[in-house]
């Protein structure tokens, strides 16, 4: 992301980079789960960071990550609304299975590598199949490690709703995982 400092305060740009850029990968991960498309996720994250930079002077929160996620969530919601009104739907193109994530560990052996890839693909598919509020809550808690309070702030819902959605998402994933394992046998 390039921040234009010609018209803006260079100190603001430096502070923004230091505060917000460490969460760039996390923001992309969330956008990818919400939008289910890599290109749309990249666009949403870029729009999120542009909006965050524009309003960075008014930011007073204690934690940058939930603030960025709240902005990103609004950007993604706008994208969902745009898609619903679009006259034609574009088919989703899945990411290449050969593309290794940044956290990829060296596999012990080819069999373990195949099993990890299969399990990872299954888990991503099951998470993607969750209804949007459950998927969003699950990703924010289990993948992004936000607290219940931070998730409540991002999603603009009570903490009890976060807890309920998370419990239901976990139960749905458990049921779907067990059904998937039965099909494999």
Protein backbone atom coordinates (compact mmCIF):
# COMPACT_ATOMS: atom_id res chain seq x y z
CA UNK A 1 0.00 0.00 0.00
CA UNK A 2 1.40 3.38 -0.96
CA UNK A 3 0.48 6.33 1.21
CA UNK A 4 0.63 9.69 -0.54
CA UNK A 5 2.41 12.05 1.82
CA UNK A 6 2.78 14.96 -0.60
CA UNK A 7 -0.40 16.61 0.68
CA UNK A 8 -0.57 14.89 4.06
CA UNK A 9 1.50 15.09 7.18
CA UNK A 10 4.50 12.71 6.87
CA UNK A 11 4.32 12.08 10.62
CA UNK A 12 0.69 10.93 10.26
CA UNK A 13 1.72 8.57 7.47
CA UNK A 14 4.54 7.13 9.59
CA UNK A 15 2.30 6.65 12.63
CA UNK A 16 -0.37 5.02 10.46
CA UNK A 17 2.11 2.62 8.89
CA UNK A 18 3.45 1.62 12.30
CA UNK A 19 -0.02 1.16 13.79
CA UNK A 20 -1.97 -0.39 10.92
CA UNK A 21 0.37 -2.27 8.60
CA UNK A 22 1.11 -5.09 11.08
CA UNK A 23 -2.55 -6.12 10.64
CA UNK A 24 -2.57 -6.16 6.84
CA UNK A 25 -2.40 -9.97 6.56
CA UNK A 26 -5.08 -10.38 9.23
CA UNK A 27 -7.35 -7.95 7.39
CA UNK A 28 -6.85 -9.82 4.12
CA UNK A 29 -7.65 -13.14 5.82
CA UNK A 30 -10.90 -11.76 7.21
CA UNK A 31 -11.86 -10.19 3.87
CA UNK A 32 -11.09 -13.45 2.07
CA UNK A 33 -13.45 -15.35 4.37
CA UNK A 34 -16.17 -12.72 4.12
CA UNK A 35 -16.05 -12.11 0.37
CA UNK A 36 -14.88 -15.57 -0.76
CA UNK A 37 -12.85 -14.08 -3.59
CA UNK A 38 -9.15 -13.17 -3.53
CA UNK A 39 -9.38 -10.16 -5.85
CA UNK A 40 -12.40 -8.72 -4.04
CA UNK A 41 -10.64 -9.28 -0.72
CA UNK A 42 -7.57 -7.36 -1.93
CA UNK A 43 -9.79 -4.50 -3.11
CA UNK A 44 -11.71 -4.46 0.18
CA UNK A 45 -8.53 -4.35 2.25
CA UNK A 46 -7.14 -1.54 0.13
CA UNK A 47 -10.39 0.41 0.53
CA UNK A 48 -10.34 -0.31 4.27
CA UNK A 49 -6.82 0.99 4.68
CA UNK A 50 -7.55 4.09 2.60
CA UNK A 51 -10.57 4.86 4.77
CA UNK A 52 -8.63 4.14 7.95
CA UNK A 53 -5.82 6.46 6.86
CA UNK A 54 -8.29 9.20 5.96
CA UNK A 55 -9.85 9.01 9.44
CA UNK A 56 -6.68 8.15 11.36
CA UNK A 57 -6.59 11.56 13.07
CA UNK A 58 -9.95 10.82 14.69
CA UNK A 59 -8.92 7.33 15.89
CA UNK A 60 -8.85 7.19 19.69
CA UNK A 61 -9.38 3.50 20.38
CA UNK A 62 -7.08 1.35 22.43
CA UNK A 63 -6.71 -1.40 19.83
CA UNK A 64 -6.05 -0.84 16.14
CA UNK A 65 -7.03 -4.32 14.93
CA UNK A 66 -10.73 -4.19 15.97
CA UNK A 67 -11.02 -0.66 14.54
CA UNK A 68 -9.60 -1.82 11.20
CA UNK A 69 -11.84 -4.89 11.23
CA UNK A 70 -14.93 -2.74 11.84
CA UNK A 71 -14.02 -0.61 8.82
CA UNK A 72 -13.27 -3.72 6.76
CA UNK A 73 -16.57 -5.28 7.76
CA UNK A 74 -18.41 -2.18 6.50
CA UNK A 75 -16.46 -2.27 3.24
CA UNK A 76 -17.31 -5.97 2.79
CA UNK A 77 -20.98 -5.33 3.57
CA UNK A 78 -21.00 -2.65 0.86
CA UNK A 79 -19.50 -5.20 -1.53
CA UNK A 80 -22.21 -7.74 -0.61
CA UNK A 81 -24.85 -5.09 -1.34
CA UNK A 82 -23.21 -4.24 -4.67
CA UNK A 83 -23.13 -7.92 -5.65
CA UNK A 84 -26.83 -8.34 -4.88
CA UNK A 85 -27.72 -5.50 -7.25
CA UNK A 86 -25.24 -6.52 -9.97
CA UNK A 87 -27.05 -7.84 -13.07
CA UNK A 88 -24.62 -10.71 -13.67
CA UNK A 89 -22.85 -12.94 -11.21
CA UNK A 90 -19.19 -13.79 -11.65
CA UNK A 91 -18.21 -17.36 -10.83
CA UNK A 92 -15.78 -17.65 -7.93
CA UNK A 93 -12.32 -18.91 -8.83
CA UNK A 94 -10.73 -20.84 -5.93
CA UNK A 95 -7.16 -20.15 -4.91
CA UNK A 96 -4.59 -22.58 -6.19
CA UNK A 97 -4.01 -25.53 -3.89
CA UNK A 98 -0.29 -25.30 -4.70
CA UNK A 99 -0.05 -21.85 -3.16
CA UNK A 100 1.54 -22.40 0.26
CA UNK A 101 0.45 -20.06 3.06
CA UNK A 102 3.09 -17.94 4.78
CA UNK A 103 2.88 -20.06 7.96
CA UNK A 104 3.47 -23.30 6.06
CA UNK A 105 5.57 -25.80 8.00
CA UNK A 106 7.88 -28.30 6.37
CA UNK A 107 5.98 -31.59 6.19
CA UNK A 108 7.41 -34.68 7.83
CA UNK A 109 6.57 -36.92 4.89
CA UNK A 110 4.45 -36.95 1.72
CA UNK A 111 1.55 -38.74 3.41
CA UNK A 112 1.34 -36.18 6.21
CA UNK A 113 1.54 -33.39 3.64
CA UNK A 114 -1.40 -34.86 1.72
CA UNK A 115 -3.47 -35.28 4.88
CA UNK A 116 -2.78 -31.71 6.04
CA UNK A 117 -3.74 -30.33 2.65
CA UNK A 118 -6.92 -32.42 2.58
CA UNK A 119 -7.88 -31.44 6.14
CA UNK A 120 -7.09 -27.77 5.50
CA UNK A 121 -9.17 -27.74 2.34
CA UNK A 122 -12.05 -29.44 4.15
CA UNK A 123 -11.92 -27.00 7.07
CA UNK A 124 -11.83 -23.98 4.72
CA UNK A 125 -14.77 -25.42 2.78
CA UNK A 126 -16.76 -26.02 5.96
CA UNK A 127 -16.06 -22.54 7.29
CA UNK A 128 -17.02 -21.02 3.94
CA UNK A 129 -20.32 -22.94 4.06
CA UNK A 130 -21.35 -21.34 7.36
CA UNK A 131 -24.00 -18.61 7.21
CA UNK A 132 -22.40 -15.17 7.15
CA UNK A 133 -22.91 -14.09 10.81
CA UNK A 134 -21.56 -17.40 12.10
CA UNK A 135 -18.65 -17.45 9.65
CA UNK A 136 -17.70 -13.88 10.51
CA UNK A 137 -17.82 -14.52 14.27
CA UNK A 138 -15.88 -17.77 13.96
CA UNK A 139 -13.14 -16.21 11.82
CA UNK A 140 -12.80 -13.19 14.12
CA UNK A 141 -12.44 -15.42 17.20
CA UNK A 142 -10.65 -18.55 16.04
CA UNK A 143 -8.50 -17.21 13.22
CA UNK A 144 -8.00 -13.57 14.20
CA UNK A 145 -7.99 -14.22 17.97
CA UNK A 146 -10.15 -11.25 18.89
CA UNK A 147 -11.79 -11.19 22.30
CA UNK A 148 -15.56 -11.45 22.63
CA UNK A 149 -15.72 -7.73 23.45
CA UNK A 150 -13.65 -6.83 20.37
CA UNK A 151 -15.85 -9.01 18.16
CA UNK A 152 -18.95 -7.38 19.64
CA UNK A 153 -17.49 -3.96 18.80
CA UNK A 154 -16.56 -4.99 15.26
CA UNK A 155 -19.93 -6.63 14.54
CA UNK A 156 -21.95 -4.04 16.49
CA UNK A 157 -23.80 -6.72 18.47
CA UNK A 158 -23.97 -7.56 22.19
CA UNK A 159 -21.33 -9.87 23.69
CA UNK A 160 -24.04 -12.46 24.37
CA UNK A 161 -24.83 -12.58 20.66
CA UNK A 162 -21.15 -13.13 19.91
CA UNK A 163 -21.02 -16.00 22.38
CA UNK A 164 -24.19 -17.54 20.96
CA UNK A 165 -23.02 -17.24 17.35
CA UNK A 166 -19.64 -18.70 18.22
CA UNK A 167 -21.17 -21.67 20.04
CA UNK A 168 -23.54 -22.33 17.15
CA UNK A 169 -20.74 -21.97 14.57
CA UNK A 170 -18.59 -24.45 16.46
CA UNK A 171 -21.49 -26.90 16.73
CA UNK A 172 -22.27 -26.57 13.02
CA UNK A 173 -18.62 -27.10 12.12
CA UNK A 174 -18.35 -30.12 14.40
CA UNK A 175 -21.45 -31.68 12.82
CA UNK A 176 -20.24 -30.89 9.29
CA UNK A 177 -16.75 -32.25 10.08
CA UNK A 178 -18.17 -35.53 11.41
CA UNK A 179 -20.41 -35.87 8.34
CA UNK A 180 -17.41 -35.18 6.09
CA UNK A 181 -15.34 -37.82 7.89
CA UNK A 182 -18.13 -40.38 7.44
CA UNK A 183 -18.14 -39.72 3.70
CA UNK A 184 -14.37 -40.27 3.53
CA UNK A 185 -14.63 -43.70 5.18
